[in-house]
Structure formats: C-alpha cells, structure tokens
PDB file of N, CA and C in Angstrom:
ATOM      1  N   MET A   1      10.365  25.671   3.752  1.00  0.00           N
ATOM      2  CA  MET A   1      10.131  24.759   4.238  1.00  0.00           C
ATOM      3  C   MET A   1      11.953  24.291   4.152  1.00  0.00           C
ATOM      4  N   TYR A   2      12.647  24.034   5.223  1.00  0.00           N
ATOM      5  CA  TYR A   2      13.772  23.902   5.359  1.00  0.00           C
ATOM      6  C   TYR A   2      13.916  22.159   5.524  1.00  0.00           C
ATOM      7  N   ILE A   3      15.158  21.405   4.806  1.00  0.00           N
ATOM      8  CA  ILE A   3      14.948  20.017   4.957  1.00  0.00           C
ATOM      9  C   ILE A   3      16.584  20.113   5.251  1.00  0.00           C
ATOM     10  N   GLU A   4      17.396  18.431   5.532  1.00  0.00           N
ATOM     11  CA  GLU A   4      18.143  18.127   5.743  1.00  0.00           C
ATOM     12  C   GLU A   4      18.496  17.500   4.378  1.00  0.00           C
ATOM     13  N   VAL A   5      19.739  17.701   3.420  1.00  0.00           N
ATOM     14  CA  VAL A   5      20.051  17.368   2.993  1.00  0.00           C
ATOM     15  C   VAL A   5      21.828  16.644   3.217  1.00  0.00           C
ATOM     16  N   VAL A   6      21.526  15.268   1.848  1.00  0.00           N
ATOM     17  CA  VAL A   6      23.427  15.064   1.943  1.00  0.00           C
ATOM     18  C   VAL A   6      24.359  16.306   1.369  1.00  0.00           C
ATOM     19  N   LYS A   7      25.525  17.003   2.202  1.00  0.00           N
ATOM     20  CA  LYS A   7      26.226  17.682   1.397  1.00  0.00           C
ATOM     21  C   LYS A   7      27.320  16.914   1.015  1.00  0.00           C
ATOM     22  N   SER A   8      28.364  16.097   1.964  1.00  0.00           N
ATOM     23  CA  SER A   8      29.205  15.615   1.574  1.00  0.00           C
ATOM     24  C   SER A   8      29.008  14.061   2.066  1.00  0.00           C
ATOM     25  N   LYS A   9      30.328  13.456   1.407  1.00  0.00           N
ATOM     26  CA  LYS A   9      30.239  11.747   1.426  1.00  0.00           C
ATOM     27  C   LYS A   9      31.782  11.140   1.443  1.00  0.00           C
ATOM     28  N   ILE A  10      32.634  10.722   2.277  1.00  0.00           N
ATOM     29  CA  ILE A  10      33.214  10.136   1.605  1.00  0.00           C
ATOM     30  C   ILE A  10      32.880   8.819   1.981  1.00  0.00           C
ATOM     31  N   HIS A  11      32.753   8.321   0.671  1.00  0.00           N
ATOM     32  CA  HIS A  11      32.253   6.192   1.059  1.00  0.00           C
ATOM     33  C   HIS A  11      33.358   5.556   1.237  1.00  0.00           C
ATOM     34  N   ARG A  12      33.400   4.880   1.685  1.00  0.00           N
ATOM     35  CA  ARG A  12      34.364   3.934   2.085  1.00  0.00           C
ATOM     36  C   ARG A  12      35.439   3.875   2.889  1.00  0.00           C
ATOM     37  N   VAL A  13      36.235   4.463   3.554  1.00  0.00           N
ATOM     38  CA  VAL A  13      37.556   4.246   3.903  1.00  0.00           C
ATOM     39  C   VAL A  13      37.877   3.087   4.997  1.00  0.00           C
ATOM     40  N   LYS A  14      38.963   3.236   5.531  1.00  0.00           N
ATOM     41  CA  LYS A  14      39.400   1.884   6.739  1.00  0.00           C
ATOM     42  C   LYS A  14      39.973   3.036   7.594  1.00  0.00           C
ATOM     43  N   ILE A  15      39.138   2.763   8.955  1.00  0.00           N
ATOM     44  CA  ILE A  15      39.750   3.234  10.117  1.00  0.00           C
ATOM     45  C   ILE A  15      41.412   2.783  10.658  1.00  0.00           C
ATOM     46  N   THR A  16      42.571   3.494  10.162  1.00  0.00           N
ATOM     47  CA  THR A  16      43.441   3.536  10.860  1.00  0.00           C
ATOM     48  C   THR A  16      44.153   3.660  11.973  1.00  0.00           C
ATOM     49  N   GLN A  17      43.070   4.590  13.076  1.00  0.00           N
ATOM     50  CA  GLN A  17      43.810   4.511  14.229  1.00  0.00           C
ATOM     51  C   GLN A  17      42.365   4.803  15.088  1.00  0.00           C
ATOM     52  N   ALA A  18      42.658   4.220  16.622  1.00  0.00           N
ATOM     53  CA  ALA A  18      41.499   4.640  17.525  1.00  0.00           C
ATOM     54  C   ALA A  18      42.326   4.904  18.527  1.00  0.00           C
ATOM     55  N   GLU A  19      42.118   6.272  18.670  1.00  0.00           N
ATOM     56  CA  GLU A  19      42.808   6.775  20.568  1.00  0.00           C
ATOM     57  C   GLU A  19      41.944   6.980  21.307  1.00  0.00           C
ATOM     58  N   LEU A  20      41.028   5.717  22.207  1.00  0.00           N
ATOM     59  CA  LEU A  20      40.055   6.264  23.694  1.00  0.00           C
ATOM     60  C   LEU A  20      40.282   7.083  24.121  1.00  0.00           C
ATOM     61  N   HIS A  21      41.732   7.604  24.757  1.00  0.00           N
ATOM     62  CA  HIS A  21      41.427   8.753  25.495  1.00  0.00           C
ATOM     63  C   HIS A  21      42.065  10.080  24.984  1.00  0.00           C
ATOM     64  N   TYR A  22      41.219  10.562  24.409  1.00  0.00           N
ATOM     65  CA  TYR A  22      40.953  11.830  23.630  1.00  0.00           C
ATOM     66  C   TYR A  22      39.847  12.096  23.819  1.00  0.00           C
ATOM     67  N   VAL A  23      38.954  13.449  23.892  1.00  0.00           N
ATOM     68  CA  VAL A  23      38.425  14.462  24.076  1.00  0.00           C
ATOM     69  C   VAL A  23      37.365  13.780  23.369  1.00  0.00           C
ATOM     70  N   GLY A  24      37.211  13.522  21.995  1.00  0.00           N
ATOM     71  CA  GLY A  24      36.177  12.608  20.981  1.00  0.00           C
ATOM     72  C   GLY A  24      36.255  13.507  19.921  1.00  0.00           C
ATOM     73  N   SER A  25      36.007  12.569  18.554  1.00  0.00           N
ATOM     74  CA  SER A  25      36.084  13.020  17.250  1.00  0.00           C
ATOM     75  C   SER A  25      36.606  12.148  16.498  1.00  0.00           C
ATOM     76  N   ILE A  26      36.245  12.724  14.937  1.00  0.00           N
ATOM     77  CA  ILE A  26      37.186  12.228  13.736  1.00  0.00           C
ATOM     78  C   ILE A  26      38.270  13.071  13.284  1.00  0.00           C
ATOM     79  N   THR A  27      39.272  11.974  13.386  1.00  0.00           N
ATOM     80  CA  THR A  27      40.304  12.910  12.608  1.00  0.00           C
ATOM     81  C   THR A  27      40.610  12.604  10.652  1.00  0.00           C
ATOM     82  N   ILE A  28      40.503  12.592  10.301  1.00  0.00           N
ATOM     83  CA  ILE A  28      39.969  12.789   8.478  1.00  0.00           C
ATOM     84  C   ILE A  28      42.027  13.620   7.866  1.00  0.00           C
ATOM     85  N   ASP A  29      42.573  12.719   6.970  1.00  0.00           N
ATOM     86  CA  ASP A  29      43.771  13.454   6.365  1.00  0.00           C
ATOM     87  C   ASP A  29      42.772  14.397   5.618  1.00  0.00           C
ATOM     88  N   GLU A  30      43.067  15.501   5.488  1.00  0.00           N
ATOM     89  CA  GLU A  30      43.642  16.706   4.774  1.00  0.00           C
ATOM     90  C   GLU A  30      42.495  16.505   3.093  1.00  0.00           C
ATOM     91  N   ASP A  31      43.449  16.195   2.894  1.00  0.00           N
ATOM     92  CA  ASP A  31      43.588  15.150   1.377  1.00  0.00           C
ATOM     93  C   ASP A  31      42.083  15.093   1.206  1.00  0.00           C
ATOM     94  N   LEU A  32      41.370  13.877   1.880  1.00  0.00           N
ATOM     95  CA  LEU A  32      40.165  13.423   1.376  1.00  0.00           C
ATOM     96  C   LEU A  32      39.282  14.330   2.271  1.00  0.00           C
ATOM     97  N   LEU A  33      39.459  15.871   3.164  1.00  0.00           N
ATOM     98  CA  LEU A  33      38.678  16.669   3.383  1.00  0.00           C
ATOM     99  C   LEU A  33      37.944  17.674   2.058  1.00  0.00           C
ATOM    100  N   ASP A  34      39.282  17.904   1.557  1.00  0.00           N
ATOM    101  CA  ASP A  34      39.234  19.053   0.314  1.00  0.00           C
ATOM    102  C   ASP A  34      38.170  17.780  -0.308  1.00  0.00           C
ATOM    103  N   ALA A  35      38.782  16.918  -1.184  1.00  0.00           N
ATOM    104  CA  ALA A  35      37.592  16.104  -2.116  1.00  0.00           C
ATOM    105  C   ALA A  35      36.899  15.931  -1.814  1.00  0.00           C
ATOM    106  N   ALA A  36      35.792  15.586  -0.570  1.00  0.00           N
ATOM    107  CA  ALA A  36      34.612  16.045  -0.501  1.00  0.00           C
ATOM    108  C   ALA A  36      34.257  17.217   0.165  1.00  0.00           C
ATOM    109  N   ASN A  37      34.700  17.656   0.093  1.00  0.00           N
ATOM    110  CA  ASN A  37      34.362  19.288   0.614  1.00  0.00           C
ATOM    111  C   ASN A  37      33.921  19.409   1.823  1.00  0.00           C
ATOM    112  N   MET A  38      34.643  19.140   2.910  1.00  0.00           N
ATOM    113  CA  MET A  38      34.316  19.208   4.783  1.00  0.00           C
ATOM    114  C   MET A  38      35.257  19.919   4.829  1.00  0.00           C
ATOM    115  N   ILE A  39      35.205  20.310   6.187  1.00  0.00           N
ATOM    116  CA  ILE A  39      35.939  21.319   6.945  1.00  0.00           C
ATOM    117  C   ILE A  39      36.149  20.908   8.208  1.00  0.00           C
ATOM    118  N   GLU A  40      36.961  21.046   9.178  1.00  0.00           N
ATOM    119  CA  GLU A  40      37.588  21.442  10.468  1.00  0.00           C
ATOM    120  C   GLU A  40      36.311  21.409  11.277  1.00  0.00           C
ATOM    121  N   ASN A  41      35.747  20.605  12.262  1.00  0.00           N
ATOM    122  CA  ASN A  41      34.334  21.057  13.505  1.00  0.00           C
ATOM    123  C   ASN A  41      33.549  20.941  12.315  1.00  0.00           C
ATOM    124  N   GLU A  42      33.419  20.621  11.312  1.00  0.00           N
ATOM    125  CA  GLU A  42      31.891  19.661  10.819  1.00  0.00           C
ATOM    126  C   GLU A  42      31.736  18.696  11.622  1.00  0.00           C
ATOM    127  N   LYS A  43      30.474  18.614  11.680  1.00  0.00           N
ATOM    128  CA  LYS A  43      29.394  17.527  12.283  1.00  0.00           C
ATOM    129  C   LYS A  43      29.393  16.653  11.189  1.00  0.00           C
ATOM    130  N   VAL A  44      29.899  15.588  11.506  1.00  0.00           N
ATOM    131  CA  VAL A  44      29.348  13.895  10.726  1.00  0.00           C
ATOM    132  C   VAL A  44      28.646  12.942  11.119  1.00  0.00           C
ATOM    133  N   GLN A  45      28.172  12.032  10.685  1.00  0.00           N
ATOM    134  CA  GLN A  45      26.976  11.158  10.881  1.00  0.00           C
ATOM    135  C   GLN A  45      28.704   9.938  10.336  1.00  0.00           C
ATOM    136  N   VAL A  46      29.484   8.979  11.136  1.00  0.00           N
ATOM    137  CA  VAL A  46      29.955   7.725  10.550  1.00  0.00           C
ATOM    138  C   VAL A  46      29.402   6.600  10.609  1.00  0.00           C
ATOM    139  N   LEU A  47      29.101   5.610   9.701  1.00  0.00           N
ATOM    140  CA  LEU A  47      28.270   4.420   9.746  1.00  0.00           C
ATOM    141  C   LEU A  47      29.491   3.822   9.298  1.00  0.00           C
ATOM    142  N   ASN A  48      29.778   2.381  10.122  1.00  0.00           N
ATOM    143  CA  ASN A  48      30.572   1.813  10.109  1.00  0.00           C
ATOM    144  C   ASN A  48      29.811  -0.123   9.774  1.00  0.00           C
ATOM    145  N   LEU A  49      31.132  -0.017   8.400  1.00  0.00           N
ATOM    146  CA  LEU A  49      29.917  -1.492   7.791  1.00  0.00           C
ATOM    147  C   LEU A  49      30.008  -2.846   8.485  1.00  0.00           C
ATOM    148  N   ASN A  50      31.090  -2.829   9.035  1.00  0.00           N
ATOM    149  CA  ASN A  50      31.896  -4.089   9.834  1.00  0.00           C
ATOM    150  C   ASN A  50      31.010  -4.419  11.119  1.00  0.00           C
ATOM    151  N   ASN A  51      30.292  -3.169  11.317  1.00  0.00           N
ATOM    152  CA  ASN A  51      29.282  -3.765  12.674  1.00  0.00           C
ATOM    153  C   ASN A  51      28.160  -3.110  12.865  1.00  0.00           C
ATOM    154  N   GLY A  52      27.843  -2.534  11.535  1.00  0.00           N
ATOM    155  CA  GLY A  52      26.485  -1.478  11.805  1.00  0.00           C
ATOM    156  C   GLY A  52      26.021  -0.064  12.695  1.00  0.00           C
ATOM    157  N   GLU A  53      27.514  -0.105  13.465  1.00  0.00           N
ATOM    158  CA  GLU A  53      27.151   1.349  14.126  1.00  0.00           C
ATOM    159  C   GLU A  53      26.909   2.613  13.693  1.00  0.00           C
ATOM    160  N   ARG A  54      26.653   3.551  14.121  1.00  0.00           N
ATOM    161  CA  ARG A  54      26.591   4.713  13.691  1.00  0.00           C
ATOM    162  C   ARG A  54      26.578   6.315  14.524  1.00  0.00           C
ATOM    163  N   LEU A  55      27.230   6.792  14.561  1.00  0.00           N
ATOM    164  CA  LEU A  55      27.359   7.908  15.352  1.00  0.00           C
ATOM    165  C   LEU A  55      27.086   9.580  14.563  1.00  0.00           C
ATOM    166  N   GLU A  56      27.557  10.778  15.504  1.00  0.00           N
ATOM    167  CA  GLU A  56      27.642  12.137  15.281  1.00  0.00           C
ATOM    168  C   GLU A  56      28.360  12.318  16.213  1.00  0.00           C
ATOM    169  N   THR A  57      29.627  12.908  14.930  1.00  0.00           N
ATOM    170  CA  THR A  57      30.865  13.785  16.079  1.00  0.00           C
ATOM    171  C   THR A  57      31.292  14.748  14.724  1.00  0.00           C
ATOM    172  N   TYR A  58      32.709  15.462  15.321  1.00  0.00           N
ATOM    173  CA  TYR A  58      32.624  16.201  14.305  1.00  0.00           C
ATOM    174  C   TYR A  58      34.369  16.430  14.182  1.00  0.00           C
ATOM    175  N   ILE A  59      35.499  16.662  13.117  1.00  0.00           N
ATOM    176  CA  ILE A  59      35.897  16.865  12.122  1.00  0.00           C
ATOM    177  C   ILE A  59      36.948  17.558  13.361  1.00  0.00           C
ATOM    178  N   ILE A  60      38.268  16.323  13.004  1.00  0.00           N
ATOM    179  CA  ILE A  60      39.662  17.561  13.684  1.00  0.00           C
ATOM    180  C   ILE A  60      40.551  17.354  12.276  1.00  0.00           C
ATOM    181  N   LYS A  61      41.466  17.642  11.411  1.00  0.00           N
ATOM    182  CA  LYS A  61      41.595  18.149  10.648  1.00  0.00           C
ATOM    183  C   LYS A  61      42.628  16.787  10.434  1.00  0.00           C
ATOM    184  N   GLY A  62      43.874  16.063   9.658  1.00  0.00           N
ATOM    185  CA  GLY A  62      44.587  14.986  10.179  1.00  0.00           C
ATOM    186  C   GLY A  62      45.733  15.584   8.602  1.00  0.00           C
ATOM    187  N   LYS A  63      46.957  14.745   8.616  1.00  0.00           N
ATOM    188  CA  LYS A  63      47.737  15.171   8.160  1.00  0.00           C
ATOM    189  C   LYS A  63      47.671  15.071   7.231  1.00  0.00           C
ATOM    190  N   ARG A  64      47.346  15.953   5.914  1.00  0.00           N
ATOM    191  CA  ARG A  64      48.102  15.789   4.588  1.00  0.00           C
ATOM    192  C   ARG A  64      48.528  14.400   3.771  1.00  0.00           C
ATOM    193  N   GLY A  65      47.490  13.871   3.088  1.00  0.00           N
ATOM    194  CA  GLY A  65      48.638  13.246   2.494  1.00  0.00           C
ATOM    195  C   GLY A  65      48.703  11.912   3.684  1.00  0.00           C
ATOM    196  N   SER A  66      48.108  11.528   4.442  1.00  0.00           N
ATOM    197  CA  SER A  66      49.133  10.820   5.912  1.00  0.00           C
ATOM    198  C   SER A  66      48.001   9.228   5.132  1.00  0.00           C
ATOM    199  N   GLY A  67      46.753   9.383   5.180  1.00  0.00           N
ATOM    200  CA  GLY A  67      45.595   8.730   4.942  1.00  0.00           C
ATOM    201  C   GLY A  67      44.712   8.519   6.218  1.00  0.00           C
ATOM    202  N   ILE A  68      45.029   9.271   7.453  1.00  0.00           N
ATOM    203  CA  ILE A  68      44.604   8.662   8.447  1.00  0.00           C
ATOM    204  C   ILE A  68      42.957   9.278   8.254  1.00  0.00           C
ATOM    205  N   ILE A  69      42.723   7.841   9.282  1.00  0.00           N
ATOM    206  CA  ILE A  69      40.799   8.608   9.298  1.00  0.00           C
ATOM    207  C   ILE A  69      41.153   7.828  11.266  1.00  0.00           C
ATOM    208  N   CYS A  70      40.788   8.822  11.724  1.00  0.00           N
ATOM    209  CA  CYS A  70      41.360   8.141  13.591  1.00  0.00           C
ATOM    210  C   CYS A  70      39.895   8.378  14.632  1.00  0.00           C
ATOM    211  N   MET A  71      39.023   7.009  14.979  1.00  0.00           N
ATOM    212  CA  MET A  71      38.728   7.233  16.289  1.00  0.00           C
ATOM    213  C   MET A  71      38.562   7.544  17.408  1.00  0.00           C
ATOM    214  N   ASN A  72      38.326   8.753  17.641  1.00  0.00           N
ATOM    215  CA  ASN A  72      39.027   9.152  19.333  1.00  0.00           C
ATOM    216  C   ASN A  72      37.720   9.533  19.822  1.00  0.00           C
ATOM    217  N   GLY A  73      38.259   9.008  21.149  1.00  0.00           N
ATOM    218  CA  GLY A  73      37.369   9.023  22.665  1.00  0.00           C
ATOM    219  C   GLY A  73      36.919   7.578  22.473  1.00  0.00           C
ATOM    220  N   PRO A  74      35.227   8.290  22.986  1.00  0.00           N
ATOM    221  CA  PRO A  74      33.952   6.982  22.815  1.00  0.00           C
ATOM    222  C   PRO A  74      34.356   6.388  21.781  1.00  0.00           C
ATOM    223  N   ALA A  75      34.226   7.006  20.869  1.00  0.00           N
ATOM    224  CA  ALA A  75      33.569   6.227  19.589  1.00  0.00           C
ATOM    225  C   ALA A  75      34.815   4.549  19.151  1.00  0.00           C
ATOM    226  N   ALA A  76      36.028   5.348  19.650  1.00  0.00           N
ATOM    227  CA  ALA A  76      37.228   4.190  19.790  1.00  0.00           C
ATOM    228  C   ALA A  76      36.894   2.685  19.970  1.00  0.00           C
ATOM    229  N   ARG A  77      35.149   3.219  20.812  1.00  0.00           N
ATOM    230  CA  ARG A  77      35.420   1.821  21.309  1.00  0.00           C
ATOM    231  C   ARG A  77      33.807   0.727  20.579  1.00  0.00           C
ATOM    232  N   LYS A  78      33.503   1.576  19.515  1.00  0.00           N
ATOM    233  CA  LYS A  78      32.572   1.557  18.667  1.00  0.00           C
ATOM    234  C   LYS A  78      32.776   1.344  17.579  1.00  0.00           C
ATOM    235  N   MET A  79      34.246   1.740  16.662  1.00  0.00           N
ATOM    236  CA  MET A  79      34.669   1.456  15.623  1.00  0.00           C
ATOM    237  C   MET A  79      36.385   1.131  15.763  1.00  0.00           C
ATOM    238  N   GLN A  80      36.826   0.115  15.270  1.00  0.00           N
ATOM    239  CA  GLN A  80      38.059  -0.550  15.327  1.00  0.00           C
ATOM    240  C   GLN A  80      38.827   0.263  14.304  1.00  0.00           C
ATOM    241  N   VAL A  81      39.976  -0.297  14.186  1.00  0.00           N
ATOM    242  CA  VAL A  81      41.284  -0.407  12.831  1.00  0.00           C
ATOM    243  C   VAL A  81      40.612  -1.220  12.260  1.00  0.00           C
ATOM    244  N   GLY A  82      41.039  -0.858  10.942  1.00  0.00           N
ATOM    245  CA  GLY A  82      40.584  -2.034   9.821  1.00  0.00           C
ATOM    246  C   GLY A  82      38.978  -1.558   9.536  1.00  0.00           C
ATOM    247  N   ASP A  83      38.299  -1.300  10.323  1.00  0.00           N
ATOM    248  CA  ASP A  83      36.584  -1.042   9.882  1.00  0.00           C
ATOM    249  C   ASP A  83      36.960  -0.181   9.151  1.00  0.00           C
ATOM    250  N   ILE A  84      35.629  -0.534   8.036  1.00  0.00           N
ATOM    251  CA  ILE A  84      35.114   0.821   7.075  1.00  0.00           C
ATOM    252  C   ILE A  84      34.044   1.453   7.442  1.00  0.00           C
ATOM    253  N   VAL A  85      34.162   2.365   7.011  1.00  0.00           N
ATOM    254  CA  VAL A  85      33.375   3.285   6.966  1.00  0.00           C
ATOM    255  C   VAL A  85      32.702   4.362   6.140  1.00  0.00           C
ATOM    256  N   ILE A  86      32.174   5.194   6.404  1.00  0.00           N
ATOM    257  CA  ILE A  86      31.457   6.145   5.761  1.00  0.00           C
ATOM    258  C   ILE A  86      30.725   7.077   6.346  1.00  0.00           C
ATOM    259  N   VAL A  87      31.728   8.424   5.466  1.00  0.00           N
ATOM    260  CA  VAL A  87      31.096   9.617   6.572  1.00  0.00           C
ATOM    261  C   VAL A  87      30.679  10.426   5.445  1.00  0.00           C
ATOM    262  N   ILE A  88      29.510  11.525   6.635  1.00  0.00           N
ATOM    263  CA  ILE A  88      28.228  11.485   5.465  1.00  0.00           C
ATOM    264  C   ILE A  88      28.072  13.250   6.209  1.00  0.00           C
ATOM    265  N   SER A  89      28.514  14.697   5.548  1.00  0.00           N
ATOM    266  CA  SER A  89      27.683  15.226   6.865  1.00  0.00           C
ATOM    267  C   SER A  89      26.438  16.361   6.030  1.00  0.00           C
ATOM    268  N   TYR A  90      25.873  16.650   6.234  1.00  0.00           N
ATOM    269  CA  TYR A  90      24.204  17.552   6.201  1.00  0.00           C
ATOM    270  C   TYR A  90      24.238  18.814   5.658  1.00  0.00           C
ATOM    271  N   ALA A  91      23.189  19.369   4.977  1.00  0.00           N
ATOM    272  CA  ALA A  91      22.672  21.024   5.279  1.00  0.00           C
ATOM    273  C   ALA A  91      21.626  21.170   5.296  1.00  0.00           C
ATOM    274  N   SER A  92      21.367  21.652   5.689  1.00  0.00           N
ATOM    275  CA  SER A  92      19.654  22.717   5.536  1.00  0.00           C
ATOM    276  C   SER A  92      19.828  23.732   4.457  1.00  0.00           C
ATOM    277  N   MET A  93      18.968  23.464   3.903  1.00  0.00           N
ATOM    278  CA  MET A  93      18.140  24.172   2.680  1.00  0.00           C
ATOM    279  C   MET A  93      16.621  24.185   2.536  1.00  0.00           C
ATOM    280  N   ASP A  94      16.187  24.611   1.744  1.00  0.00           N
ATOM    281  CA  ASP A  94      14.891  25.575   1.236  1.00  0.00           C
ATOM    282  C   ASP A  94      14.423  24.450   0.171  1.00  0.00           C
ATOM    283  N   PHE A  95      13.496  23.852   0.546  1.00  0.00           N
ATOM    284  CA  PHE A  95      13.037  22.720   0.217  1.00  0.00           C
ATOM    285  C   PHE A  95      12.536  22.613  -1.417  1.00  0.00           C
ATOM    286  N   GLU A  96      12.802  23.591  -2.417  1.00  0.00           N
ATOM    287  CA  GLU A  96      12.948  24.138  -3.868  1.00  0.00           C
ATOM    288  C   GLU A  96      14.678  23.643  -3.763  1.00  0.00           C
ATOM    289  N   GLU A  97      15.920  24.754  -3.292  1.00  0.00           N
ATOM    290  CA  GLU A  97      16.625  24.671  -3.601  1.00  0.00           C
ATOM    291  C   GLU A  97      17.496  23.356  -3.690  1.00  0.00           C
ATOM    292  N   ALA A  98      16.595  22.268  -2.429  1.00  0.00           N
ATOM    293  CA  ALA A  98      17.005  21.110  -1.968  1.00  0.00           C
ATOM    294  C   ALA A  98      17.465  19.921  -3.565  1.00  0.00           C
ATOM    295  N   LYS A  99      15.903  20.383  -4.380  1.00  0.00           N
ATOM    296  CA  LYS A  99      15.665  19.474  -5.730  1.00  0.00           C
ATOM    297  C   LYS A  99      16.440  19.816  -6.637  1.00  0.00           C
ATOM    298  N   SER A 100      17.351  20.629  -7.122  1.00  0.00           N
ATOM    299  CA  SER A 100      18.319  20.657  -7.629  1.00  0.00           C
ATOM    300  C   SER A 100      20.209  20.098  -7.049  1.00  0.00           C
ATOM    301  N   TRP A 101      20.081  20.445  -5.776  1.00  0.00           N
ATOM    302  CA  TRP A 101      21.068  20.307  -5.359  1.00  0.00           C
ATOM    303  C   TRP A 101      21.917  18.725  -5.589  1.00  0.00           C
ATOM    304  N   LYS A 102      23.327  19.083  -5.354  1.00  0.00           N
ATOM    305  CA  LYS A 102      24.755  18.101  -5.844  1.00  0.00           C
ATOM    306  C   LYS A 102      25.085  18.328  -5.128  1.00  0.00           C
ATOM    307  N   PRO A 103      25.415  16.891  -4.078  1.00  0.00           N
ATOM    308  CA  PRO A 103      26.201  16.788  -3.348  1.00  0.00           C
ATOM    309  C   PRO A 103      27.646  16.406  -3.522  1.00  0.00           C
ATOM    310  N   THR A 104      29.150  16.333  -2.877  1.00  0.00           N
ATOM    311  CA  THR A 104      30.079  16.341  -3.136  1.00  0.00           C
ATOM    312  C   THR A 104      30.262  14.691  -2.472  1.00  0.00           C
ATOM    313  N   LEU A 105      30.875  13.930  -3.596  1.00  0.00           N
ATOM    314  CA  LEU A 105      31.066  12.510  -2.679  1.00  0.00           C
ATOM    315  C   LEU A 105      32.091  12.245  -3.048  1.00  0.00           C
ATOM    316  N   CYS A 106      33.114  11.634  -2.277  1.00  0.00           N
ATOM    317  CA  CYS A 106      34.537  10.994  -2.732  1.00  0.00           C
ATOM    318  C   CYS A 106      34.100   9.495  -2.579  1.00  0.00           C
ATOM    319  N   PHE A 107      35.034   8.778  -3.146  1.00  0.00           N
ATOM    320  CA  PHE A 107      35.257   7.438  -3.447  1.00  0.00           C
ATOM    321  C   PHE A 107      37.091   6.634  -2.950  1.00  0.00           C
ATOM    322  N   PRO A 108      37.411   7.240  -2.703  1.00  0.00           N
ATOM    323  CA  PRO A 108      38.854   7.583  -2.308  1.00  0.00           C
ATOM    324  C   PRO A 108      39.340   5.771  -2.586  1.00  0.00           C
ATOM    325  N   LEU A 109      40.924   5.549  -2.716  1.00  0.00           N
ATOM    326  CA  LEU A 109      41.632   4.791  -3.300  1.00  0.00           C
ATOM    327  C   LEU A 109      41.979   3.412  -2.328  1.00  0.00           C
ATOM    328  N   GLU A 110      42.477   2.699  -2.573  1.00  0.00           N
ATOM    329  CA  GLU A 110      43.116   2.104  -1.700  1.00  0.00           C
ATOM    330  C   GLU A 110      44.197   2.789  -0.416  1.00  0.00           C
ATOM    331  N   GLY A 111      44.257   2.600   0.407  1.00  0.00           N
ATOM    332  CA  GLY A 111      45.170   3.367   1.447  1.00  0.00           C
ATOM    333  C   GLY A 111      44.130   4.442   1.454  1.00  0.00           C
ATOM    334  N   ASN A 112      43.081   4.690   1.634  1.00  0.00           N
ATOM    335  CA  ASN A 112      42.449   6.187   1.701  1.00  0.00           C
ATOM    336  C   ASN A 112      43.130   7.616   1.180  1.00  0.00           C
ATOM    337  N   LYS A 113      43.465   7.167  -0.285  1.00  0.00           N
ATOM    338  CA  LYS A 113      43.906   8.250  -0.922  1.00  0.00           C
ATOM    339  C   LYS A 113      42.595   9.008  -1.606  1.00  0.00           C
ATOM    340  N   VAL A 114      43.265  10.175  -1.722  1.00  0.00           N
ATOM    341  CA  VAL A 114      41.847  10.410  -3.440  1.00  0.00           C
ATOM    342  C   VAL A 114      43.100  10.166  -4.243  1.00  0.00           C
ATOM    343  N   GLY A 115      42.228   9.774  -5.475  1.00  0.00           N
ATOM    344  CA  GLY A 115      42.204   9.447  -7.034  1.00  0.00           C
ATOM    345  C   GLY A 115      42.462  10.194  -7.778  1.00  0.00           C
TER     346      GLY A 115
END
C-alpha cells in the first residue's frame, strides 16, 4: 500500500508579489527551494494563514537570494502581498517506508531568507 506523506515544507513565508495576469503558479526564491528540497514544476499546496485559503499549484523557480514569493494567475485573488503562507509538497511511498520517512522542513528568516 502507498500513502502520501509530507515531503517538504517552507513554513511561514511572506508573499512579496501577486501577478493576476499570468498563467498560474507560485514563484519561489531558488535558495528557499534548495533549503526545502523542492524543485521547479513540483506540485505544492499553499496554505494562507491570513485568510484560511488553501490551493494547489506548481513551482516556478525565482531569482536566487531575492526572497520572492509570488502568487501568479487566479491565486493572486486568494493570496495577497503581505500574507503569510506555508508551502507543502507531498510524496507517495510504501507504508513501511513512510514510517521512517523524515521530511525536509525550512523555517525562513525575516525577508524570506534562508538562515
């Protein structure tokens, strides 16, 4: 049996941009992607602490060191600049393997910087 478990998490970053007229996705600083073991085009869930919104999208790699967290497309209506979000990716794995799995957790500093 396979189950889904948390693979990676970026915990509490601030949205720096919202671009409504874009095809959709979330742009994330490449430093944060590395720290969280996430990659471009990976499916993620974005949880908004300010308004309770939850949505799924995919990652676009942002400029390294920029601190960018940009909600693109329709998500820009649900998540605004200044909102605090959590970004989570999941992996499917065998139930027994999942029992010992340890996700990669990233806790950014002020300005969405990696500590």
